[in-house]
Amino acid sequence: MEHTEMLVVIYSLSQAADGSWSIRRAGTTLFSQLRLGAAIQLARDTARDEHMRSGRNVSVEMPGPASSIRLAQYARQATVPQGEVA
């Protein structure tokens, strides 16, 4: 039996010292100088688009007081083999 690890692409929001927000993916800043609402919406749209194009599992996260807060998650649905009940 082959073990395959599910990779998740993460878009993360981070706040700058001036209060603006940026969107990062794999350590690269994609967008910056955004207000929080615009940053959340753009990150969700971008993540959804990547999921639709690639089929990868993609999530959007932002820092919280104790840990990251997941704002969105786009994942492939598990398929159930014929004859089995989910």
PDB file of N, CA and C in Angstrom:
ATOM      1  N   MET A   1       0.856  -1.179   0.000  1.00  0.00           N
ATOM      2  CA  MET A   1       0.000   0.000   0.000  1.00  0.00           C
ATOM      3  C   MET A   1       0.897   1.235   0.000  1.00  0.00           C
ATOM      4  N   GLU A   2       0.639   2.145  -0.901  1.00  0.00           N
ATOM      5  CA  GLU A   2       1.448   3.354  -1.021  1.00  0.00           C
ATOM      6  C   GLU A   2       0.894   4.456  -0.130  1.00  0.00           C
ATOM      7  N   HIS A   3       1.791   5.128   0.599  1.00  0.00           N
ATOM      8  CA  HIS A   3       1.391   6.236   1.470  1.00  0.00           C
ATOM      9  C   HIS A   3       1.643   7.541   0.738  1.00  0.00           C
ATOM     10  N   THR A   4       0.600   8.344   0.546  1.00  0.00           N
ATOM     11  CA  THR A   4       0.768   9.650  -0.079  1.00  0.00           C
ATOM     12  C   THR A   4       0.325  10.708   0.906  1.00  0.00           C
ATOM     13  N   GLU A   5       1.161  11.703   1.076  1.00  0.00           N
ATOM     14  CA  GLU A   5       0.869  12.778   2.018  1.00  0.00           C
ATOM     15  C   GLU A   5       0.044  13.848   1.307  1.00  0.00           C
ATOM     16  N   MET A   6      -1.006  14.300   1.964  1.00  0.00           N
ATOM     17  CA  MET A   6      -1.830  15.366   1.412  1.00  0.00           C
ATOM     18  C   MET A   6      -1.142  16.699   1.659  1.00  0.00           C
ATOM     19  N   LEU A   7      -0.724  17.347   0.607  1.00  0.00           N
ATOM     20  CA  LEU A   7      -0.107  18.650   0.728  1.00  0.00           C
ATOM     21  C   LEU A   7      -1.177  19.723   0.688  1.00  0.00           C
ATOM     22  N   VAL A   8      -1.027  20.704   1.542  1.00  0.00           N
ATOM     23  CA  VAL A   8      -1.967  21.811   1.597  1.00  0.00           C
ATOM     24  C   VAL A   8      -1.204  23.090   1.272  1.00  0.00           C
ATOM     25  N   VAL A   9      -1.703  23.830   0.312  1.00  0.00           N
ATOM     26  CA  VAL A   9      -1.144  25.137  -0.004  1.00  0.00           C
ATOM     27  C   VAL A   9      -1.786  26.129   0.964  1.00  0.00           C
ATOM     28  N   ILE A  10      -0.957  26.947   1.618  1.00  0.00           N
ATOM     29  CA  ILE A  10      -1.480  27.897   2.598  1.00  0.00           C
ATOM     30  C   ILE A  10      -1.207  29.320   2.160  1.00  0.00           C
ATOM     31  N   TYR A  11      -2.265  30.090   2.084  1.00  0.00           N
ATOM     32  CA  TYR A  11      -2.166  31.536   1.898  1.00  0.00           C
ATOM     33  C   TYR A  11      -2.307  32.131   3.294  1.00  0.00           C
ATOM     34  N   SER A  12      -1.343  32.960   3.677  1.00  0.00           N
ATOM     35  CA  SER A  12      -1.399  33.532   5.024  1.00  0.00           C
ATOM     36  C   SER A  12      -1.448  35.050   4.965  1.00  0.00           C
ATOM     37  N   LEU A  13      -2.213  35.609   5.886  1.00  0.00           N
ATOM     38  CA  LEU A  13      -2.294  37.060   6.011  1.00  0.00           C
ATOM     39  C   LEU A  13      -1.361  37.486   7.129  1.00  0.00           C
ATOM     40  N   SER A  14      -0.682  38.603   6.923  1.00  0.00           N
ATOM     41  CA  SER A  14       0.172  39.128   7.985  1.00  0.00           C
ATOM     42  C   SER A  14       0.028  40.640   8.033  1.00  0.00           C
ATOM     43  N   GLN A  15       0.102  41.163   9.238  1.00  0.00           N
ATOM     44  CA  GLN A  15      -0.092  42.597   9.447  1.00  0.00           C
ATOM     45  C   GLN A  15       1.257  43.291   9.543  1.00  0.00           C
ATOM     46  N   ALA A  16       1.382  44.416   8.850  1.00  0.00           N
ATOM     47  CA  ALA A  16       2.591  45.230   8.890  1.00  0.00           C
ATOM     48  C   ALA A  16       2.516  46.201  10.065  1.00  0.00           C
ATOM     49  N   ALA A  17       3.642  46.815  10.368  1.00  0.00           N
ATOM     50  CA  ALA A  17       3.710  47.771  11.481  1.00  0.00           C
ATOM     51  C   ALA A  17       2.762  48.952  11.297  1.00  0.00           C
ATOM     52  N   ASP A  18       2.481  49.312  10.030  1.00  0.00           N
ATOM     53  CA  ASP A  18       1.590  50.444   9.769  1.00  0.00           C
ATOM     54  C   ASP A  18       0.108  50.063   9.813  1.00  0.00           C
ATOM     55  N   GLY A  19      -0.186  48.792  10.112  1.00  0.00           N
ATOM     56  CA  GLY A  19      -1.567  48.334  10.219  1.00  0.00           C
ATOM     57  C   GLY A  19      -2.130  47.748   8.941  1.00  0.00           C
ATOM     58  N   SER A  20      -1.418  47.861   7.845  1.00  0.00           N
ATOM     59  CA  SER A  20      -1.901  47.270   6.590  1.00  0.00           C
ATOM     60  C   SER A  20      -1.636  45.767   6.610  1.00  0.00           C
ATOM     61  N   TRP A  21      -2.262  45.058   5.688  1.00  0.00           N
ATOM     62  CA  TRP A  21      -2.164  43.604   5.637  1.00  0.00           C
ATOM     63  C   TRP A  21      -1.570  43.155   4.315  1.00  0.00           C
ATOM     64  N   SER A  22      -0.887  42.015   4.339  1.00  0.00           N
ATOM     65  CA  SER A  22      -0.347  41.424   3.118  1.00  0.00           C
ATOM     66  C   SER A  22      -0.773  39.964   3.035  1.00  0.00           C
ATOM     67  N   ILE A  23      -0.697  39.422   1.830  1.00  0.00           N
ATOM     68  CA  ILE A  23      -1.023  38.020   1.571  1.00  0.00           C
ATOM     69  C   ILE A  23       0.249  37.347   1.093  1.00  0.00           C
ATOM     70  N   ARG A  24       0.591  36.236   1.750  1.00  0.00           N
ATOM     71  CA  ARG A  24       1.814  35.511   1.423  1.00  0.00           C
ATOM     72  C   ARG A  24       1.491  34.063   1.068  1.00  0.00           C
ATOM     73  N   ARG A  25       2.325  33.507   0.199  1.00  0.00           N
ATOM     74  CA  ARG A  25       2.228  32.094  -0.167  1.00  0.00           C
ATOM     75  C   ARG A  25       3.643  31.562  -0.284  1.00  0.00           C
ATOM     76  N   ALA A  26       3.956  30.515   0.454  1.00  0.00           N
ATOM     77  CA  ALA A  26       5.278  29.882   0.425  1.00  0.00           C
ATOM     78  C   ALA A  26       6.397  30.896   0.650  1.00  0.00           C
ATOM     79  N   GLY A  27       6.179  31.825   1.587  1.00  0.00           N
ATOM     80  CA  GLY A  27       7.207  32.789   1.934  1.00  0.00           C
ATOM     81  C   GLY A  27       7.330  33.981   1.014  1.00  0.00           C
ATOM     82  N   THR A  28       6.497  34.043  -0.008  1.00  0.00           N
ATOM     83  CA  THR A  28       6.536  35.143  -0.964  1.00  0.00           C
ATOM     84  C   THR A  28       5.324  36.039  -0.778  1.00  0.00           C
ATOM     85  N   THR A  29       5.551  37.342  -0.690  1.00  0.00           N
ATOM     86  CA  THR A  29       4.434  38.284  -0.596  1.00  0.00           C
ATOM     87  C   THR A  29       3.816  38.457  -1.972  1.00  0.00           C
ATOM     88  N   LEU A  30       2.520  38.170  -2.064  1.00  0.00           N
ATOM     89  CA  LEU A  30       1.797  38.297  -3.328  1.00  0.00           C
ATOM     90  C   LEU A  30       1.119  39.653  -3.454  1.00  0.00           C
ATOM     91  N   PHE A  31       0.552  40.133  -2.348  1.00  0.00           N
ATOM     92  CA  PHE A  31      -0.167  41.406  -2.316  1.00  0.00           C
ATOM     93  C   PHE A  31       0.160  42.087  -0.990  1.00  0.00           C
ATOM     94  N   SER A  32       0.223  43.408  -0.993  1.00  0.00           N
ATOM     95  CA  SER A  32       0.509  44.133   0.244  1.00  0.00           C
ATOM     96  C   SER A  32      -0.262  45.449   0.273  1.00  0.00           C
ATOM     97  N   GLN A  33      -0.152  46.147   1.405  1.00  0.00           N
ATOM     98  CA  GLN A  33      -0.812  47.444   1.600  1.00  0.00           C
ATOM     99  C   GLN A  33      -2.329  47.347   1.471  1.00  0.00           C
ATOM    100  N   LEU A  34      -2.911  46.289   2.044  1.00  0.00           N
ATOM    101  CA  LEU A  34      -4.359  46.063   1.962  1.00  0.00           C
ATOM    102  C   LEU A  34      -5.017  46.309   3.316  1.00  0.00           C
ATOM    103  N   ARG A  35      -6.287  46.686   3.280  1.00  0.00           N
ATOM    104  CA  ARG A  35      -7.090  46.712   4.501  1.00  0.00           C
ATOM    105  C   ARG A  35      -7.500  45.285   4.802  1.00  0.00           C
ATOM    106  N   LEU A  36      -7.817  45.005   6.065  1.00  0.00           N
ATOM    107  CA  LEU A  36      -8.087  43.634   6.475  1.00  0.00           C
ATOM    108  C   LEU A  36      -9.199  42.980   5.658  1.00  0.00           C
ATOM    109  N   GLY A  37     -10.337  43.642   5.504  1.00  0.00           N
ATOM    110  CA  GLY A  37     -11.452  43.055   4.756  1.00  0.00           C
ATOM    111  C   GLY A  37     -11.074  42.715   3.325  1.00  0.00           C
ATOM    112  N   ALA A  38     -10.366  43.629   2.670  1.00  0.00           N
ATOM    113  CA  ALA A  38      -9.929  43.400   1.287  1.00  0.00           C
ATOM    114  C   ALA A  38      -8.916  42.263   1.220  1.00  0.00           C
ATOM    115  N   ALA A  39      -8.027  42.183   2.216  1.00  0.00           N
ATOM    116  CA  ALA A  39      -7.027  41.120   2.243  1.00  0.00           C
ATOM    117  C   ALA A  39      -7.684  39.751   2.395  1.00  0.00           C
ATOM    118  N   ILE A  40      -8.663  39.650   3.282  1.00  0.00           N
ATOM    119  CA  ILE A  40      -9.371  38.380   3.478  1.00  0.00           C
ATOM    120  C   ILE A  40     -10.081  37.971   2.192  1.00  0.00           C
ATOM    121  N   GLN A  41     -10.803  38.890   1.579  1.00  0.00           N
ATOM    122  CA  GLN A  41     -11.549  38.565   0.363  1.00  0.00           C
ATOM    123  C   GLN A  41     -10.611  38.162  -0.775  1.00  0.00           C
ATOM    124  N   LEU A  42      -9.521  38.907  -0.962  1.00  0.00           N
ATOM    125  CA  LEU A  42      -8.579  38.596  -2.036  1.00  0.00           C
ATOM    126  C   LEU A  42      -7.887  37.263  -1.789  1.00  0.00           C
ATOM    127  N   ALA A  43      -7.518  36.983  -0.554  1.00  0.00           N
ATOM    128  CA  ALA A  43      -6.888  35.700  -0.236  1.00  0.00           C
ATOM    129  C   ALA A  43      -7.844  34.540  -0.497  1.00  0.00           C
ATOM    130  N   ARG A  44      -9.094  34.689  -0.106  1.00  0.00           N
ATOM    131  CA  ARG A  44     -10.088  33.631  -0.367  1.00  0.00           C
ATOM    132  C   ARG A  44     -10.293  33.429  -1.861  1.00  0.00           C
ATOM    133  N   ASP A  45     -10.428  34.516  -2.602  1.00  0.00           N
ATOM    134  CA  ASP A  45     -10.620  34.412  -4.057  1.00  0.00           C
ATOM    135  C   ASP A  45      -9.425  33.739  -4.726  1.00  0.00           C
ATOM    136  N   THR A  46      -8.224  34.138  -4.320  1.00  0.00           N
ATOM    137  CA  THR A  46      -7.006  33.580  -4.900  1.00  0.00           C
ATOM    138  C   THR A  46      -6.871  32.102  -4.564  1.00  0.00           C
ATOM    139  N   ALA A  47      -7.152  31.736  -3.328  1.00  0.00           N
ATOM    140  CA  ALA A  47      -7.077  30.338  -2.900  1.00  0.00           C
ATOM    141  C   ALA A  47      -8.115  29.485  -3.635  1.00  0.00           C
ATOM    142  N   ARG A  48      -9.326  29.997  -3.754  1.00  0.00           N
ATOM    143  CA  ARG A  48     -10.384  29.262  -4.463  1.00  0.00           C
ATOM    144  C   ARG A  48      -9.988  29.045  -5.916  1.00  0.00           C
ATOM    145  N   ASP A  49      -9.421  30.085  -6.543  1.00  0.00           N
ATOM    146  CA  ASP A  49      -8.996  29.975  -7.937  1.00  0.00           C
ATOM    147  C   ASP A  49      -7.906  28.912  -8.087  1.00  0.00           C
ATOM    148  N   GLU A  50      -6.917  28.916  -7.193  1.00  0.00           N
ATOM    149  CA  GLU A  50      -5.862  27.904  -7.278  1.00  0.00           C
ATOM    150  C   GLU A  50      -6.440  26.508  -7.101  1.00  0.00           C
ATOM    151  N   HIS A  51      -7.345  26.354  -6.160  1.00  0.00           N
ATOM    152  CA  HIS A  51      -7.974  25.040  -5.940  1.00  0.00           C
ATOM    153  C   HIS A  51      -8.735  24.587  -7.184  1.00  0.00           C
ATOM    154  N   MET A  52      -9.485  25.481  -7.791  1.00  0.00           N
ATOM    155  CA  MET A  52     -10.279  25.123  -8.978  1.00  0.00           C
ATOM    156  C   MET A  52      -9.366  24.757 -10.159  1.00  0.00           C
ATOM    157  N   ARG A  53      -8.255  25.466 -10.306  1.00  0.00           N
ATOM    158  CA  ARG A  53      -7.351  25.196 -11.427  1.00  0.00           C
ATOM    159  C   ARG A  53      -6.497  23.952 -11.209  1.00  0.00           C
ATOM    160  N   SER A  54      -6.020  23.734  -9.971  1.00  0.00           N
ATOM    161  CA  SER A  54      -5.044  22.677  -9.727  1.00  0.00           C
ATOM    162  C   SER A  54      -5.612  21.441  -9.038  1.00  0.00           C
ATOM    163  N   GLY A  55      -6.737  21.598  -8.341  1.00  0.00           N
ATOM    164  CA  GLY A  55      -7.289  20.494  -7.568  1.00  0.00           C
ATOM    165  C   GLY A  55      -6.603  20.289  -6.229  1.00  0.00           C
ATOM    166  N   ARG A  56      -5.609  21.124  -5.916  1.00  0.00           N
ATOM    167  CA  ARG A  56      -4.896  21.010  -4.637  1.00  0.00           C
ATOM    168  C   ARG A  56      -5.783  21.447  -3.485  1.00  0.00           C
ATOM    169  N   ASN A  57      -5.456  20.953  -2.298  1.00  0.00           N
ATOM    170  CA  ASN A  57      -6.091  21.435  -1.075  1.00  0.00           C
ATOM    171  C   ASN A  57      -5.439  22.775  -0.730  1.00  0.00           C
ATOM    172  N   VAL A  58      -6.251  23.788  -0.517  1.00  0.00           N
ATOM    173  CA  VAL A  58      -5.744  25.137  -0.276  1.00  0.00           C
ATOM    174  C   VAL A  58      -6.491  25.733   0.911  1.00  0.00           C
ATOM    175  N   SER A  59      -5.760  26.445   1.783  1.00  0.00           N
ATOM    176  CA  SER A  59      -6.415  27.115   2.897  1.00  0.00           C
ATOM    177  C   SER A  59      -5.888  28.539   3.042  1.00  0.00           C
ATOM    178  N   VAL A  60      -6.670  29.353   3.752  1.00  0.00           N
ATOM    179  CA  VAL A  60      -6.310  30.738   4.047  1.00  0.00           C
ATOM    180  C   VAL A  60      -6.277  30.863   5.563  1.00  0.00           C
ATOM    181  N   GLU A  61      -5.167  31.404   6.088  1.00  0.00           N
ATOM    182  CA  GLU A  61      -5.010  31.535   7.534  1.00  0.00           C
ATOM    183  C   GLU A  61      -4.514  32.928   7.889  1.00  0.00           C
ATOM    184  N   MET A  62      -4.816  33.324   9.120  1.00  0.00           N
ATOM    185  CA  MET A  62      -4.276  34.568   9.659  1.00  0.00           C
ATOM    186  C   MET A  62      -3.869  34.322  11.103  1.00  0.00           C
ATOM    187  N   PRO A  63      -2.959  35.141  11.632  1.00  0.00           N
ATOM    188  CA  PRO A  63      -2.523  34.924  13.009  1.00  0.00           C
ATOM    189  C   PRO A  63      -3.637  35.211  14.007  1.00  0.00           C
ATOM    190  N   GLY A  64      -3.720  34.378  15.028  1.00  0.00           N
ATOM    191  CA  GLY A  64      -4.672  34.586  16.119  1.00  0.00           C
ATOM    192  C   GLY A  64      -3.900  34.753  17.414  1.00  0.00           C
ATOM    193  N   PRO A  65      -4.592  34.933  18.528  1.00  0.00           N
ATOM    194  CA  PRO A  65      -3.918  35.163  19.804  1.00  0.00           C
ATOM    195  C   PRO A  65      -3.045  33.989  20.252  1.00  0.00           C
ATOM    196  N   ALA A  66      -3.483  32.769  19.991  1.00  0.00           N
ATOM    197  CA  ALA A  66      -2.726  31.600  20.439  1.00  0.00           C
ATOM    198  C   ALA A  66      -2.222  30.745  19.282  1.00  0.00           C
ATOM    199  N   SER A  67      -2.930  30.748  18.164  1.00  0.00           N
ATOM    200  CA  SER A  67      -2.546  29.949  17.003  1.00  0.00           C
ATOM    201  C   SER A  67      -3.195  30.562  15.760  1.00  0.00           C
ATOM    202  N   SER A  68      -2.907  29.979  14.619  1.00  0.00           N
ATOM    203  CA  SER A  68      -3.483  30.481  13.369  1.00  0.00           C
ATOM    204  C   SER A  68      -4.985  30.245  13.332  1.00  0.00           C
ATOM    205  N   ILE A  69      -5.680  31.159  12.691  1.00  0.00           N
ATOM    206  CA  ILE A  69      -7.123  31.047  12.495  1.00  0.00           C
ATOM    207  C   ILE A  69      -7.357  30.725  11.026  1.00  0.00           C
ATOM    208  N   ARG A  70      -8.043  29.623  10.758  1.00  0.00           N
ATOM    209  CA  ARG A  70      -8.339  29.251   9.380  1.00  0.00           C
ATOM    210  C   ARG A  70      -9.567  30.045   8.924  1.00  0.00           C
ATOM    211  N   LEU A  71      -9.394  30.807   7.856  1.00  0.00           N
ATOM    212  CA  LEU A  71     -10.481  31.632   7.321  1.00  0.00           C
ATOM    213  C   LEU A  71     -11.222  30.943   6.191  1.00  0.00           C
ATOM    214  N   ALA A  72     -10.535  30.048   5.483  1.00  0.00           N
ATOM    215  CA  ALA A  72     -11.158  29.327   4.372  1.00  0.00           C
ATOM    216  C   ALA A  72     -10.367  28.057   4.111  1.00  0.00           C
ATOM    217  N   GLN A  73     -11.057  27.050   3.592  1.00  0.00           N
ATOM    218  CA  GLN A  73     -10.394  25.816   3.207  1.00  0.00           C
ATOM    219  C   GLN A  73     -11.095  25.256   1.981  1.00  0.00           C
ATOM    220  N   TYR A  74     -10.308  24.948   0.968  1.00  0.00           N
ATOM    221  CA  TYR A  74     -10.824  24.373  -0.264  1.00  0.00           C
ATOM    222  C   TYR A  74     -10.134  23.028  -0.430  1.00  0.00           C
ATOM    223  N   ALA A  75     -10.908  21.949  -0.357  1.00  0.00           N
ATOM    224  CA  ALA A  75     -10.331  20.606  -0.390  1.00  0.00           C
ATOM    225  C   ALA A  75     -11.117  19.723  -1.345  1.00  0.00           C
ATOM    226  N   ARG A  76     -10.416  18.743  -1.873  1.00  0.00           N
ATOM    227  CA  ARG A  76     -11.092  17.740  -2.707  1.00  0.00           C
ATOM    228  C   ARG A  76     -11.999  16.909  -1.823  1.00  0.00           C
ATOM    229  N   GLN A  77     -13.152  16.581  -2.349  1.00  0.00           N
ATOM    230  CA  GLN A  77     -14.059  15.739  -1.595  1.00  0.00           C
ATOM    231  C   GLN A  77     -13.599  14.298  -1.688  1.00  0.00           C
ATOM    232  N   ALA A  78     -13.675  13.587  -0.578  1.00  0.00           N
ATOM    233  CA  ALA A  78     -13.315  12.177  -0.581  1.00  0.00           C
ATOM    234  C   ALA A  78     -14.347  11.411  -1.389  1.00  0.00           C
ATOM    235  N   THR A  79     -13.877  10.465  -2.159  1.00  0.00           N
ATOM    236  CA  THR A  79     -14.797   9.642  -2.938  1.00  0.00           C
ATOM    237  C   THR A  79     -15.039   8.344  -2.186  1.00  0.00           C
ATOM    238  N   VAL A  80     -16.250   7.880  -2.214  1.00  0.00           N
ATOM    239  CA  VAL A  80     -16.622   6.633  -1.558  1.00  0.00           C
ATOM    240  C   VAL A  80     -16.764   5.573  -2.634  1.00  0.00           C
ATOM    241  N   PRO A  81     -16.024   4.446  -2.503  1.00  0.00           N
ATOM    242  CA  PRO A  81     -16.143   3.366  -3.499  1.00  0.00           C
ATOM    243  C   PRO A  81     -17.577   2.863  -3.602  1.00  0.00           C
ATOM    244  N   GLN A  82     -17.963   2.431  -4.791  1.00  0.00           N
ATOM    245  CA  GLN A  82     -19.320   1.926  -4.977  1.00  0.00           C
ATOM    246  C   GLN A  82     -19.576   0.757  -4.036  1.00  0.00           C
ATOM    247  N   GLY A  83     -20.765   0.712  -3.501  1.00  0.00           N
ATOM    248  CA  GLY A  83     -21.150  -0.364  -2.606  1.00  0.00           C
ATOM    249  C   GLY A  83     -20.913  -0.050  -1.141  1.00  0.00           C
ATOM    250  N   GLU A  84     -20.191   1.034  -0.853  1.00  0.00           N
ATOM    251  CA  GLU A  84     -19.956   1.427   0.530  1.00  0.00           C
ATOM    252  C   GLU A  84     -20.849   2.616   0.865  1.00  0.00           C
ATOM    253  N   VAL A  85     -21.228   2.697   2.109  1.00  0.00           N
ATOM    254  CA  VAL A  85     -22.067   3.784   2.575  1.00  0.00           C
ATOM    255  C   VAL A  85     -21.201   4.745   3.382  1.00  0.00           C
ATOM    256  N   ALA A  86     -21.365   6.021   3.098  1.00  0.00           N
ATOM    257  CA  ALA A  86     -20.552   7.019   3.816  1.00  0.00           C
ATOM    258  C   ALA A  86     -21.183   7.344   5.149  1.00  0.00           C
TER     259      ALA A  86
END
